[in-house]
Amino acid sequence: MIRILLAEDDEAMRTYLGRALENAGYEVVSVDCGMAALPHLETEHFDLLLSDIVMPEMDGIELAQRCGEISPATKVMFITGFAAVTLRASREAPSAKVLSKPFHLRDLVLEVQRVFGHDDRASL
């Protein structure tokens, strides 16, 4: 089963996204900030880091950079509601997919499926 580490500081959004991904068949570990994600990256295997970019203490871009050092095989996808931050993410983590808020949960699941080479719309 594909494992996703979800880092999102907004509790409602974190719950909403985690539930949607679990319903799509993924195993999800959710944390409320980048600092809380690091111990999980150091001790567990994740196929995908799905991170908000704008978070307190450690933003998603720094978290992605640390993830690249700790677990280079883990793919990265960002979610953000800030257009300017999207540009920064594209420059600093060019291999990461950026999904801009607001988005439909179906779009999120489709993007995650694409990251893993599964574009099966029938599963939605």
PDB file of N, CA and C in Angstrom:
ATOM      1  N   MET A   1       0.839  -1.181   0.000  1.00  0.00           N
ATOM      2  CA  MET A   1       0.000   0.000   0.000  1.00  0.00           C
ATOM      3  C   MET A   1       0.883   1.244   0.000  1.00  0.00           C
ATOM      4  N   ILE A   2       0.502   2.218  -0.790  1.00  0.00           N
ATOM      5  CA  ILE A   2       1.251   3.482  -0.860  1.00  0.00           C
ATOM      6  C   ILE A   2       1.018   4.272   0.419  1.00  0.00           C
ATOM      7  N   ARG A   3       2.124   4.739   1.005  1.00  0.00           N
ATOM      8  CA  ARG A   3       2.063   5.499   2.259  1.00  0.00           C
ATOM      9  C   ARG A   3       2.334   6.972   1.983  1.00  0.00           C
ATOM     10  N   ILE A   4       1.489   7.826   2.550  1.00  0.00           N
ATOM     11  CA  ILE A   4       1.591   9.268   2.355  1.00  0.00           C
ATOM     12  C   ILE A   4       1.766   9.947   3.713  1.00  0.00           C
ATOM     13  N   LEU A   5       2.744  10.833   3.785  1.00  0.00           N
ATOM     14  CA  LEU A   5       2.908  11.694   4.956  1.00  0.00           C
ATOM     15  C   LEU A   5       2.312  13.038   4.597  1.00  0.00           C
ATOM     16  N   LEU A   6       1.251  13.420   5.299  1.00  0.00           N
ATOM     17  CA  LEU A   6       0.528  14.664   5.042  1.00  0.00           C
ATOM     18  C   LEU A   6       0.896  15.683   6.107  1.00  0.00           C
ATOM     19  N   ALA A   7       1.494  16.807   5.683  1.00  0.00           N
ATOM     20  CA  ALA A   7       1.840  17.896   6.598  1.00  0.00           C
ATOM     21  C   ALA A   7       0.983  19.108   6.239  1.00  0.00           C
ATOM     22  N   GLU A   8       0.042  19.436   7.104  1.00  0.00           N
ATOM     23  CA  GLU A   8      -0.903  20.536   6.873  1.00  0.00           C
ATOM     24  C   GLU A   8      -1.241  21.139   8.220  1.00  0.00           C
ATOM     25  N   ASP A   9      -1.018  22.462   8.371  1.00  0.00           N
ATOM     26  CA  ASP A   9      -1.243  23.094   9.676  1.00  0.00           C
ATOM     27  C   ASP A   9      -2.708  23.381   9.974  1.00  0.00           C
ATOM     28  N   ASP A  10      -3.569  23.449   8.964  1.00  0.00           N
ATOM     29  CA  ASP A  10      -4.984  23.701   9.177  1.00  0.00           C
ATOM     30  C   ASP A  10      -5.676  22.370   9.513  1.00  0.00           C
ATOM     31  N   GLU A  11      -6.196  22.274  10.730  1.00  0.00           N
ATOM     32  CA  GLU A  11      -6.745  20.998  11.213  1.00  0.00           C
ATOM     33  C   GLU A  11      -7.892  20.487  10.342  1.00  0.00           C
ATOM     34  N   ALA A  12      -8.820  21.359   9.973  1.00  0.00           N
ATOM     35  CA  ALA A  12      -9.953  20.926   9.150  1.00  0.00           C
ATOM     36  C   ALA A  12      -9.479  20.426   7.785  1.00  0.00           C
ATOM     37  N   MET A  13      -8.560  21.148   7.175  1.00  0.00           N
ATOM     38  CA  MET A  13      -8.036  20.745   5.867  1.00  0.00           C
ATOM     39  C   MET A  13      -7.269  19.427   5.979  1.00  0.00           C
ATOM     40  N   ARG A  14      -6.479  19.284   7.037  1.00  0.00           N
ATOM     41  CA  ARG A  14      -5.711  18.056   7.253  1.00  0.00           C
ATOM     42  C   ARG A  14      -6.650  16.847   7.377  1.00  0.00           C
ATOM     43  N   THR A  15      -7.708  17.001   8.143  1.00  0.00           N
ATOM     44  CA  THR A  15      -8.683  15.922   8.319  1.00  0.00           C
ATOM     45  C   THR A  15      -9.372  15.594   7.000  1.00  0.00           C
ATOM     46  N   TYR A  16      -9.782  16.623   6.292  1.00  0.00           N
ATOM     47  CA  TYR A  16     -10.482  16.502   5.021  1.00  0.00           C
ATOM     48  C   TYR A  16      -9.614  15.786   3.982  1.00  0.00           C
ATOM     49  N   LEU A  17      -8.366  16.221   3.843  1.00  0.00           N
ATOM     50  CA  LEU A  17      -7.456  15.615   2.865  1.00  0.00           C
ATOM     51  C   LEU A  17      -7.097  14.184   3.256  1.00  0.00           C
ATOM     52  N   GLY A  18      -6.806  13.981   4.533  1.00  0.00           N
ATOM     53  CA  GLY A  18      -6.454  12.642   5.004  1.00  0.00           C
ATOM     54  C   GLY A  18      -7.568  11.643   4.746  1.00  0.00           C
ATOM     55  N   ARG A  19      -8.787  12.034   5.029  1.00  0.00           N
ATOM     56  CA  ARG A  19      -9.932  11.145   4.818  1.00  0.00           C
ATOM     57  C   ARG A  19     -10.100  10.822   3.334  1.00  0.00           C
ATOM     58  N   ALA A  20      -9.961  11.831   2.480  1.00  0.00           N
ATOM     59  CA  ALA A  20     -10.126  11.610   1.033  1.00  0.00           C
ATOM     60  C   ALA A  20      -9.075  10.641   0.508  1.00  0.00           C
ATOM     61  N   LEU A  21      -7.837  10.789   0.960  1.00  0.00           N
ATOM     62  CA  LEU A  21      -6.761   9.911   0.503  1.00  0.00           C
ATOM     63  C   LEU A  21      -6.931   8.493   1.036  1.00  0.00           C
ATOM     64  N   GLU A  22      -7.365   8.370   2.283  1.00  0.00           N
ATOM     65  CA  GLU A  22      -7.629   7.041   2.838  1.00  0.00           C
ATOM     66  C   GLU A  22      -8.765   6.358   2.079  1.00  0.00           C
ATOM     67  N   ASN A  23      -9.808   7.117   1.750  1.00  0.00           N
ATOM     68  CA  ASN A  23     -10.933   6.567   0.984  1.00  0.00           C
ATOM     69  C   ASN A  23     -10.501   6.123  -0.412  1.00  0.00           C
ATOM     70  N   ALA A  24      -9.430   6.732  -0.922  1.00  0.00           N
ATOM     71  CA  ALA A  24      -8.903   6.354  -2.241  1.00  0.00           C
ATOM     72  C   ALA A  24      -7.931   5.173  -2.148  1.00  0.00           C
ATOM     73  N   GLY A  25      -7.710   4.669  -0.921  1.00  0.00           N
ATOM     74  CA  GLY A  25      -6.892   3.475  -0.767  1.00  0.00           C
ATOM     75  C   GLY A  25      -5.462   3.693  -0.318  1.00  0.00           C
ATOM     76  N   TYR A  26      -5.126   4.904   0.107  1.00  0.00           N
ATOM     77  CA  TYR A  26      -3.769   5.191   0.559  1.00  0.00           C
ATOM     78  C   TYR A  26      -3.698   5.128   2.079  1.00  0.00           C
ATOM     79  N   GLU A  27      -2.531   4.774   2.602  1.00  0.00           N
ATOM     80  CA  GLU A  27      -2.293   4.848   4.037  1.00  0.00           C
ATOM     81  C   GLU A  27      -1.729   6.233   4.313  1.00  0.00           C
ATOM     82  N   VAL A  28      -2.340   6.963   5.241  1.00  0.00           N
ATOM     83  CA  VAL A  28      -1.969   8.354   5.483  1.00  0.00           C
ATOM     84  C   VAL A  28      -1.580   8.556   6.943  1.00  0.00           C
ATOM     85  N   VAL A  29      -0.440   9.216   7.138  1.00  0.00           N
ATOM     86  CA  VAL A  29      -0.024   9.686   8.460  1.00  0.00           C
ATOM     87  C   VAL A  29      -0.071  11.210   8.375  1.00  0.00           C
ATOM     88  N   SER A  30      -0.842  11.832   9.265  1.00  0.00           N
ATOM     89  CA  SER A  30      -1.030  13.281   9.223  1.00  0.00           C
ATOM     90  C   SER A  30      -0.336  13.961  10.385  1.00  0.00           C
ATOM     91  N   VAL A  31       0.315  15.087  10.085  1.00  0.00           N
ATOM     92  CA  VAL A  31       0.962  15.904  11.108  1.00  0.00           C
ATOM     93  C   VAL A  31       0.586  17.368  10.865  1.00  0.00           C
ATOM     94  N   ASP A  32       0.755  18.184  11.915  1.00  0.00           N
ATOM     95  CA  ASP A  32       0.304  19.569  11.824  1.00  0.00           C
ATOM     96  C   ASP A  32       1.389  20.578  11.455  1.00  0.00           C
ATOM     97  N   CYS A  33       2.626  20.108  11.269  1.00  0.00           N
ATOM     98  CA  CYS A  33       3.688  21.037  10.873  1.00  0.00           C
ATOM     99  C   CYS A  33       4.904  20.259  10.367  1.00  0.00           C
ATOM    100  N   GLY A  34       5.806  20.989   9.738  1.00  0.00           N
ATOM    101  CA  GLY A  34       7.008  20.368   9.205  1.00  0.00           C
ATOM    102  C   GLY A  34       7.879  19.738  10.272  1.00  0.00           C
ATOM    103  N   MET A  35       7.987  20.400  11.410  1.00  0.00           N
ATOM    104  CA  MET A  35       8.824  19.861  12.495  1.00  0.00           C
ATOM    105  C   MET A  35       8.292  18.512  12.970  1.00  0.00           C
ATOM    106  N   ALA A  36       6.969  18.357  13.000  1.00  0.00           N
ATOM    107  CA  ALA A  36       6.371  17.085  13.423  1.00  0.00           C
ATOM    108  C   ALA A  36       6.559  16.000  12.370  1.00  0.00           C
ATOM    109  N   ALA A  37       6.771  16.395  11.119  1.00  0.00           N
ATOM    110  CA  ALA A  37       6.950  15.423  10.039  1.00  0.00           C
ATOM    111  C   ALA A  37       8.331  14.777  10.069  1.00  0.00           C
ATOM    112  N   LEU A  38       9.349  15.526  10.493  1.00  0.00           N
ATOM    113  CA  LEU A  38      10.729  15.030  10.441  1.00  0.00           C
ATOM    114  C   LEU A  38      10.950  13.691  11.145  1.00  0.00           C
ATOM    115  N   PRO A  39      10.471  13.506  12.390  1.00  0.00           N
ATOM    116  CA  PRO A  39      10.697  12.209  13.040  1.00  0.00           C
ATOM    117  C   PRO A  39      10.074  11.044  12.263  1.00  0.00           C
ATOM    118  N   HIS A  40       8.937  11.286  11.632  1.00  0.00           N
ATOM    119  CA  HIS A  40       8.303  10.240  10.831  1.00  0.00           C
ATOM    120  C   HIS A  40       9.173   9.898   9.621  1.00  0.00           C
ATOM    121  N   LEU A  41       9.722  10.925   8.964  1.00  0.00           N
ATOM    122  CA  LEU A  41      10.583  10.688   7.803  1.00  0.00           C
ATOM    123  C   LEU A  41      11.843   9.920   8.192  1.00  0.00           C
ATOM    124  N   GLU A  42      12.323  10.169   9.409  1.00  0.00           N
ATOM    125  CA  GLU A  42      13.559   9.530   9.863  1.00  0.00           C
ATOM    126  C   GLU A  42      13.356   8.072  10.268  1.00  0.00           C
ATOM    127  N   THR A  43      12.136   7.704  10.660  1.00  0.00           N
ATOM    128  CA  THR A  43      11.924   6.357  11.206  1.00  0.00           C
ATOM    129  C   THR A  43      10.977   5.485  10.384  1.00  0.00           C
ATOM    130  N   GLU A  44      10.285   6.058   9.403  1.00  0.00           N
ATOM    131  CA  GLU A  44       9.306   5.303   8.633  1.00  0.00           C
ATOM    132  C   GLU A  44       9.529   5.530   7.143  1.00  0.00           C
ATOM    133  N   HIS A  45       8.978   4.627   6.334  1.00  0.00           N
ATOM    134  CA  HIS A  45       9.043   4.786   4.874  1.00  0.00           C
ATOM    135  C   HIS A  45       7.752   5.424   4.381  1.00  0.00           C
ATOM    136  N   PHE A  46       7.897   6.450   3.535  1.00  0.00           N
ATOM    137  CA  PHE A  46       6.746   7.065   2.873  1.00  0.00           C
ATOM    138  C   PHE A  46       7.033   7.155   1.388  1.00  0.00           C
ATOM    139  N   ASP A  47       6.003   6.905   0.596  1.00  0.00           N
ATOM    140  CA  ASP A  47       6.126   7.006  -0.856  1.00  0.00           C
ATOM    141  C   ASP A  47       5.943   8.443  -1.318  1.00  0.00           C
ATOM    142  N   LEU A  48       5.157   9.220  -0.547  1.00  0.00           N
ATOM    143  CA  LEU A  48       4.852  10.595  -0.924  1.00  0.00           C
ATOM    144  C   LEU A  48       4.786  11.490   0.302  1.00  0.00           C
ATOM    145  N   LEU A  49       5.397  12.653   0.194  1.00  0.00           N
ATOM    146  CA  LEU A  49       5.221  13.727   1.169  1.00  0.00           C
ATOM    147  C   LEU A  49       4.272  14.721   0.523  1.00  0.00           C
ATOM    148  N   LEU A  50       3.106  14.905   1.113  1.00  0.00           N
ATOM    149  CA  LEU A  50       2.123  15.878   0.648  1.00  0.00           C
ATOM    150  C   LEU A  50       2.090  16.988   1.687  1.00  0.00           C
ATOM    151  N   SER A  51       2.593  18.159   1.302  1.00  0.00           N
ATOM    152  CA  SER A  51       2.794  19.216   2.291  1.00  0.00           C
ATOM    153  C   SER A  51       2.227  20.549   1.846  1.00  0.00           C
ATOM    154  N   ASP A  52       1.572  21.212   2.794  1.00  0.00           N
ATOM    155  CA  ASP A  52       1.235  22.615   2.600  1.00  0.00           C
ATOM    156  C   ASP A  52       2.576  23.343   2.530  1.00  0.00           C
ATOM    157  N   ILE A  53       2.617  24.449   1.818  1.00  0.00           N
ATOM    158  CA  ILE A  53       3.877  25.190   1.746  1.00  0.00           C
ATOM    159  C   ILE A  53       3.998  26.165   2.907  1.00  0.00           C
ATOM    160  N   VAL A  54       2.940  26.911   3.178  1.00  0.00           N
ATOM    161  CA  VAL A  54       2.983  27.931   4.223  1.00  0.00           C
ATOM    162  C   VAL A  54       2.557  27.303   5.549  1.00  0.00           C
ATOM    163  N   MET A  55       3.550  27.081   6.410  1.00  0.00           N
ATOM    164  CA  MET A  55       3.313  26.521   7.748  1.00  0.00           C
ATOM    165  C   MET A  55       4.267  27.198   8.718  1.00  0.00           C
ATOM    166  N   PRO A  56       3.890  27.243  10.002  1.00  0.00           N
ATOM    167  CA  PRO A  56       4.796  27.839  10.988  1.00  0.00           C
ATOM    168  C   PRO A  56       6.011  26.950  11.245  1.00  0.00           C
ATOM    169  N   GLU A  57       7.048  27.522  11.794  1.00  0.00           N
ATOM    170  CA  GLU A  57       8.299  26.855  12.186  1.00  0.00           C
ATOM    171  C   GLU A  57       9.133  26.408  10.999  1.00  0.00           C
ATOM    172  N   MET A  58       8.605  25.523  10.173  1.00  0.00           N
ATOM    173  CA  MET A  58       9.332  25.025   9.005  1.00  0.00           C
ATOM    174  C   MET A  58       8.331  24.961   7.855  1.00  0.00           C
ATOM    175  N   ASP A  59       8.595  25.720   6.788  1.00  0.00           N
ATOM    176  CA  ASP A  59       7.646  25.688   5.680  1.00  0.00           C
ATOM    177  C   ASP A  59       7.797  24.411   4.865  1.00  0.00           C
ATOM    178  N   GLY A  60       6.865  24.192   3.965  1.00  0.00           N
ATOM    179  CA  GLY A  60       6.858  22.970   3.179  1.00  0.00           C
ATOM    180  C   GLY A  60       8.059  22.807   2.278  1.00  0.00           C
ATOM    181  N   ILE A  61       8.596  23.902   1.779  1.00  0.00           N
ATOM    182  CA  ILE A  61       9.765  23.818   0.905  1.00  0.00           C
ATOM    183  C   ILE A  61      10.984  23.340   1.697  1.00  0.00           C
ATOM    184  N   GLU A  62      11.181  23.896   2.881  1.00  0.00           N
ATOM    185  CA  GLU A  62      12.289  23.427   3.723  1.00  0.00           C
ATOM    186  C   GLU A  62      12.073  21.963   4.113  1.00  0.00           C
ATOM    187  N   LEU A  63      10.825  21.608   4.415  1.00  0.00           N
ATOM    188  CA  LEU A  63      10.512  20.222   4.744  1.00  0.00           C
ATOM    189  C   LEU A  63      10.852  19.304   3.568  1.00  0.00           C
ATOM    190  N   ALA A  64      10.517  19.727   2.358  1.00  0.00           N
ATOM    191  CA  ALA A  64      10.824  18.921   1.165  1.00  0.00           C
ATOM    192  C   ALA A  64      12.331  18.758   0.982  1.00  0.00           C
ATOM    193  N   GLN A  65      13.077  19.826   1.263  1.00  0.00           N
ATOM    194  CA  GLN A  65      14.533  19.742   1.157  1.00  0.00           C
ATOM    195  C   GLN A  65      15.094  18.758   2.180  1.00  0.00           C
ATOM    196  N   ARG A  66      14.574  18.809   3.389  1.00  0.00           N
ATOM    197  CA  ARG A  66      15.005  17.866   4.428  1.00  0.00           C
ATOM    198  C   ARG A  66      14.597  16.446   4.066  1.00  0.00           C
ATOM    199  N   CYS A  67      13.411  16.294   3.497  1.00  0.00           N
ATOM    200  CA  CYS A  67      12.937  14.990   3.050  1.00  0.00           C
ATOM    201  C   CYS A  67      13.887  14.422   1.997  1.00  0.00           C
ATOM    202  N   GLY A  68      14.347  15.277   1.086  1.00  0.00           N
ATOM    203  CA  GLY A  68      15.282  14.846   0.055  1.00  0.00           C
ATOM    204  C   GLY A  68      16.588  14.325   0.633  1.00  0.00           C
ATOM    205  N   GLU A  69      17.005  14.888   1.762  1.00  0.00           N
ATOM    206  CA  GLU A  69      18.232  14.437   2.433  1.00  0.00           C
ATOM    207  C   GLU A  69      18.001  13.126   3.194  1.00  0.00           C
ATOM    208  N   ILE A  70      16.857  13.038   3.866  1.00  0.00           N
ATOM    209  CA  ILE A  70      16.557  11.897   4.731  1.00  0.00           C
ATOM    210  C   ILE A  70      16.053  10.696   3.924  1.00  0.00           C
ATOM    211  N   SER A  71      15.173  10.973   2.969  1.00  0.00           N
ATOM    212  CA  SER A  71      14.501   9.906   2.224  1.00  0.00           C
ATOM    213  C   SER A  71      14.391  10.297   0.755  1.00  0.00           C
ATOM    214  N   PRO A  72      15.492  10.223   0.010  1.00  0.00           N
ATOM    215  CA  PRO A  72      15.502  10.725  -1.366  1.00  0.00           C
ATOM    216  C   PRO A  72      14.512  10.045  -2.317  1.00  0.00           C
ATOM    217  N   ALA A  73      14.061   8.847  -1.981  1.00  0.00           N
ATOM    218  CA  ALA A  73      13.111   8.157  -2.864  1.00  0.00           C
ATOM    219  C   ALA A  73      11.676   8.643  -2.680  1.00  0.00           C
ATOM    220  N   THR A  74      11.418   9.390  -1.610  1.00  0.00           N
ATOM    221  CA  THR A  74      10.066   9.888  -1.349  1.00  0.00           C
ATOM    222  C   THR A  74       9.734  11.011  -2.318  1.00  0.00           C
ATOM    223  N   LYS A  75       8.607  10.860  -3.015  1.00  0.00           N
ATOM    224  CA  LYS A  75       8.149  11.902  -3.942  1.00  0.00           C
ATOM    225  C   LYS A  75       7.520  13.029  -3.124  1.00  0.00           C
ATOM    226  N   VAL A  76       7.458  14.231  -3.719  1.00  0.00           N
ATOM    227  CA  VAL A  76       6.934  15.399  -3.008  1.00  0.00           C
ATOM    228  C   VAL A  76       5.843  16.061  -3.831  1.00  0.00           C
ATOM    229  N   MET A  77       4.757  16.427  -3.151  1.00  0.00           N
ATOM    230  CA  MET A  77       3.694  17.216  -3.756  1.00  0.00           C
ATOM    231  C   MET A  77       3.318  18.314  -2.765  1.00  0.00           C
ATOM    232  N   PHE A  78       3.210  19.539  -3.275  1.00  0.00           N
ATOM    233  CA  PHE A  78       2.829  20.673  -2.430  1.00  0.00           C
ATOM    234  C   PHE A  78       1.375  21.055  -2.676  1.00  0.00           C
ATOM    235  N   ILE A  79       0.752  21.593  -1.624  1.00  0.00           N
ATOM    236  CA  ILE A  79      -0.545  22.233  -1.751  1.00  0.00           C
ATOM    237  C   ILE A  79      -0.406  23.630  -1.167  1.00  0.00           C
ATOM    238  N   THR A  80      -0.996  24.610  -1.849  1.00  0.00           N
ATOM    239  CA  THR A  80      -0.887  25.981  -1.354  1.00  0.00           C
ATOM    240  C   THR A  80      -2.023  26.836  -1.881  1.00  0.00           C
ATOM    241  N   GLY A  81      -2.321  27.873  -1.143  1.00  0.00           N
ATOM    242  CA  GLY A  81      -3.313  28.838  -1.573  1.00  0.00           C
ATOM    243  C   GLY A  81      -2.687  30.146  -2.007  1.00  0.00           C
ATOM    244  N   PHE A  82      -1.366  30.186  -2.112  1.00  0.00           N
ATOM    245  CA  PHE A  82      -0.659  31.422  -2.422  1.00  0.00           C
ATOM    246  C   PHE A  82       0.092  31.294  -3.747  1.00  0.00           C
ATOM    247  N   ALA A  83      -0.299  32.087  -4.729  1.00  0.00           N
ATOM    248  CA  ALA A  83       0.307  32.009  -6.064  1.00  0.00           C
ATOM    249  C   ALA A  83       1.803  32.309  -6.037  1.00  0.00           C
ATOM    250  N   ALA A  84       2.219  33.308  -5.274  1.00  0.00           N
ATOM    251  CA  ALA A  84       3.640  33.672  -5.225  1.00  0.00           C
ATOM    252  C   ALA A  84       4.467  32.534  -4.644  1.00  0.00           C
ATOM    253  N   VAL A  85       3.895  31.817  -3.697  1.00  0.00           N
ATOM    254  CA  VAL A  85       4.596  30.699  -3.081  1.00  0.00           C
ATOM    255  C   VAL A  85       4.735  29.560  -4.091  1.00  0.00           C
ATOM    256  N   THR A  86       3.768  29.419  -4.978  1.00  0.00           N
ATOM    257  CA  THR A  86       3.835  28.400  -6.026  1.00  0.00           C
ATOM    258  C   THR A  86       5.065  28.610  -6.895  1.00  0.00           C
ATOM    259  N   LEU A  87       5.346  29.865  -7.244  1.00  0.00           N
ATOM    260  CA  LEU A  87       6.531  30.170  -8.057  1.00  0.00           C
ATOM    261  C   LEU A  87       7.807  29.803  -7.320  1.00  0.00           C
ATOM    262  N   ARG A  88       7.875  30.121  -6.041  1.00  0.00           N
ATOM    263  CA  ARG A  88       9.057  29.788  -5.239  1.00  0.00           C
ATOM    264  C   ARG A  88       9.248  28.272  -5.173  1.00  0.00           C
ATOM    265  N   ALA A  89       8.153  27.562  -4.982  1.00  0.00           N
ATOM    266  CA  ALA A  89       8.230  26.099  -4.903  1.00  0.00           C
ATOM    267  C   ALA A  89       8.724  25.516  -6.219  1.00  0.00           C
ATOM    268  N   SER A  90       8.271  26.071  -7.323  1.00  0.00           N
ATOM    269  CA  SER A  90       8.685  25.580  -8.643  1.00  0.00           C
ATOM    270  C   SER A  90      10.180  25.771  -8.860  1.00  0.00           C
ATOM    271  N   ARG A  91      10.721  26.871  -8.322  1.00  0.00           N
ATOM    272  CA  ARG A  91      12.159  27.132  -8.457  1.00  0.00           C
ATOM    273  C   ARG A  91      12.984  26.251  -7.526  1.00  0.00           C
ATOM    274  N   GLU A  92      12.536  26.125  -6.276  1.00  0.00           N
ATOM    275  CA  GLU A  92      13.352  25.453  -5.268  1.00  0.00           C
ATOM    276  C   GLU A  92      13.149  23.941  -5.215  1.00  0.00           C
ATOM    277  N   ALA A  93      12.049  23.450  -5.739  1.00  0.00           N
ATOM    278  CA  ALA A  93      11.785  22.006  -5.768  1.00  0.00           C
ATOM    279  C   ALA A  93      11.142  21.669  -7.115  1.00  0.00           C
ATOM    280  N   PRO A  94      11.912  21.779  -8.199  1.00  0.00           N
ATOM    281  CA  PRO A  94      11.344  21.656  -9.535  1.00  0.00           C
ATOM    282  C   PRO A  94      10.699  20.307  -9.847  1.00  0.00           C
ATOM    283  N   SER A  95      11.086  19.255  -9.150  1.00  0.00           N
ATOM    284  CA  SER A  95      10.483  17.954  -9.439  1.00  0.00           C
ATOM    285  C   SER A  95       9.169  17.739  -8.694  1.00  0.00           C
ATOM    286  N   ALA A  96       8.829  18.653  -7.792  1.00  0.00           N
ATOM    287  CA  ALA A  96       7.610  18.506  -6.997  1.00  0.00           C
ATOM    288  C   ALA A  96       6.411  19.062  -7.758  1.00  0.00           C
ATOM    289  N   LYS A  97       5.290  18.403  -7.609  1.00  0.00           N
ATOM    290  CA  LYS A  97       4.026  18.875  -8.168  1.00  0.00           C
ATOM    291  C   LYS A  97       3.439  19.887  -7.190  1.00  0.00           C
ATOM    292  N   VAL A  98       2.847  20.965  -7.711  1.00  0.00           N
ATOM    293  CA  VAL A  98       2.205  21.969  -6.859  1.00  0.00           C
ATOM    294  C   VAL A  98       0.731  22.027  -7.224  1.00  0.00           C
ATOM    295  N   LEU A  99      -0.126  21.810  -6.246  1.00  0.00           N
ATOM    296  CA  LEU A  99      -1.570  21.863  -6.434  1.00  0.00           C
ATOM    297  C   LEU A  99      -2.079  23.086  -5.683  1.00  0.00           C
ATOM    298  N   SER A 100      -2.708  24.015  -6.405  1.00  0.00           N
ATOM    299  CA  SER A 100      -3.157  25.264  -5.799  1.00  0.00           C
ATOM    300  C   SER A 100      -4.562  25.138  -5.227  1.00  0.00           C
ATOM    301  N   LYS A 101      -4.729  25.671  -4.010  1.00  0.00           N
ATOM    302  CA  LYS A 101      -6.050  25.732  -3.378  1.00  0.00           C
ATOM    303  C   LYS A 101      -6.827  26.884  -4.015  1.00  0.00           C
ATOM    304  N   PRO A 102      -8.112  26.789  -4.134  1.00  0.00           N
ATOM    305  CA  PRO A 102      -8.935  25.626  -3.779  1.00  0.00           C
ATOM    306  C   PRO A 102      -8.879  24.569  -4.874  1.00  0.00           C
ATOM    307  N   PHE A 103      -9.034  23.338  -4.498  1.00  0.00           N
ATOM    308  CA  PHE A 103      -9.096  22.247  -5.468  1.00  0.00           C
ATOM    309  C   PHE A 103     -10.133  21.251  -4.984  1.00  0.00           C
ATOM    310  N   HIS A 104     -10.639  20.474  -5.903  1.00  0.00           N
ATOM    311  CA  HIS A 104     -11.615  19.441  -5.573  1.00  0.00           C
ATOM    312  C   HIS A 104     -10.838  18.213  -5.104  1.00  0.00           C
ATOM    313  N   LEU A 105     -11.388  17.481  -4.174  1.00  0.00           N
ATOM    314  CA  LEU A 105     -10.714  16.281  -3.673  1.00  0.00           C
ATOM    315  C   LEU A 105     -10.412  15.301  -4.795  1.00  0.00           C
ATOM    316  N   ARG A 106     -11.284  15.234  -5.792  1.00  0.00           N
ATOM    317  CA  ARG A 106     -11.043  14.346  -6.932  1.00  0.00           C
ATOM    318  C   ARG A 106      -9.748  14.742  -7.639  1.00  0.00           C
ATOM    319  N   ASP A 107      -9.507  16.065  -7.751  1.00  0.00           N
ATOM    320  CA  ASP A 107      -8.269  16.540  -8.384  1.00  0.00           C
ATOM    321  C   ASP A 107      -7.045  16.105  -7.583  1.00  0.00           C
ATOM    322  N   LEU A 108      -7.136  16.187  -6.261  1.00  0.00           N
ATOM    323  CA  LEU A 108      -6.028  15.761  -5.412  1.00  0.00           C
ATOM    324  C   LEU A 108      -5.733  14.278  -5.626  1.00  0.00           C
ATOM    325  N   VAL A 109      -6.769  13.461  -5.574  1.00  0.00           N
ATOM    326  CA  VAL A 109      -6.576  12.020  -5.737  1.00  0.00           C
ATOM    327  C   VAL A 109      -6.007  11.710  -7.119  1.00  0.00           C
ATOM    328  N   LEU A 110      -6.510  12.398  -8.150  1.00  0.00           N
ATOM    329  CA  LEU A 110      -5.980  12.178  -9.503  1.00  0.00           C
ATOM    330  C   LEU A 110      -4.504  12.545  -9.598  1.00  0.00           C
ATOM    331  N   GLU A 111      -4.105  13.651  -8.972  1.00  0.00           N
ATOM    332  CA  GLU A 111      -2.701  14.058  -9.006  1.00  0.00           C
ATOM    333  C   GLU A 111      -1.822  13.059  -8.265  1.00  0.00           C
ATOM    334  N   VAL A 112      -2.299  12.549  -7.138  1.00  0.00           N
ATOM    335  CA  VAL A 112      -1.532  11.540  -6.407  1.00  0.00           C
ATOM    336  C   VAL A 112      -1.402  10.284  -7.263  1.00  0.00           C
ATOM    337  N   GLN A 113      -2.478   9.891  -7.916  1.00  0.00           N
ATOM    338  CA  GLN A 113      -2.418   8.715  -8.792  1.00  0.00           C
ATOM    339  C   GLN A 113      -1.414   8.936  -9.920  1.00  0.00           C
ATOM    340  N   ARG A 114      -1.394  10.128 -10.475  1.00  0.00           N
ATOM    341  CA  ARG A 114      -0.450  10.431 -11.563  1.00  0.00           C
ATOM    342  C   ARG A 114       1.002  10.351 -11.086  1.00  0.00           C
ATOM    343  N   VAL A 115       1.248  10.803  -9.859  1.00  0.00           N
ATOM    344  CA  VAL A 115       2.599  10.744  -9.307  1.00  0.00           C
ATOM    345  C   VAL A 115       3.113   9.301  -9.322  1.00  0.00           C
ATOM    346  N   PHE A 116       2.203   8.362  -9.104  1.00  0.00           N
ATOM    347  CA  PHE A 116       2.596   6.952  -9.058  1.00  0.00           C
ATOM    348  C   PHE A 116       2.296   6.206 -10.352  1.00  0.00           C
ATOM    349  N   GLY A 117       1.967   6.960 -11.404  1.00  0.00           N
ATOM    350  CA  GLY A 117       1.746   6.345 -12.704  1.00  0.00           C
ATOM    351  C   GLY A 117       0.423   5.642 -12.842  1.00  0.00           C
ATOM    352  N   HIS A 118      -0.513   5.953 -11.962  1.00  0.00           N
ATOM    353  CA  HIS A 118      -1.857   5.368 -12.034  1.00  0.00           C
ATOM    354  C   HIS A 118      -2.831   6.472 -12.398  1.00  0.00           C
ATOM    355  N   ASP A 119      -3.386   6.416 -13.564  1.00  0.00           N
ATOM    356  CA  ASP A 119      -4.376   7.427 -13.960  1.00  0.00           C
ATOM    357  C   ASP A 119      -5.705   6.722 -14.180  1.00  0.00           C
ATOM    358  N   ASP A 120      -6.177   6.062 -13.142  1.00  0.00           N
ATOM    359  CA  ASP A 120      -7.382   5.253 -13.231  1.00  0.00           C
ATOM    360  C   ASP A 120      -8.573   6.040 -12.693  1.00  0.00           C
ATOM    361  N   ARG A 121      -9.254   6.724 -13.576  1.00  0.00           N
ATOM    362  CA  ARG A 121     -10.405   7.532 -13.169  1.00  0.00           C
ATOM    363  C   ARG A 121     -11.575   6.674 -12.700  1.00  0.00           C
ATOM    364  N   ALA A 122     -11.598   5.425 -13.070  1.00  0.00           N
ATOM    365  CA  ALA A 122     -12.687   4.547 -12.677  1.00  0.00           C
ATOM    366  C   ALA A 122     -12.710   4.317 -11.165  1.00  0.00           C
ATOM    367  N   SER A 123     -11.584   4.479 -10.488  1.00  0.00           N
ATOM    368  CA  SER A 123     -11.540   4.232  -9.055  1.00  0.00           C
ATOM    369  C   SER A 123     -12.139   5.368  -8.244  1.00  0.00           C
ATOM    370  N   LEU A 124     -12.497   6.466  -8.921  1.00  0.00           N
ATOM    371  CA  LEU A 124     -13.061   7.602  -8.191  1.00  0.00           C
ATOM    372  C   LEU A 124     -14.519   7.432  -8.078  1.00  0.00           C
TER     373      LEU A 124
END
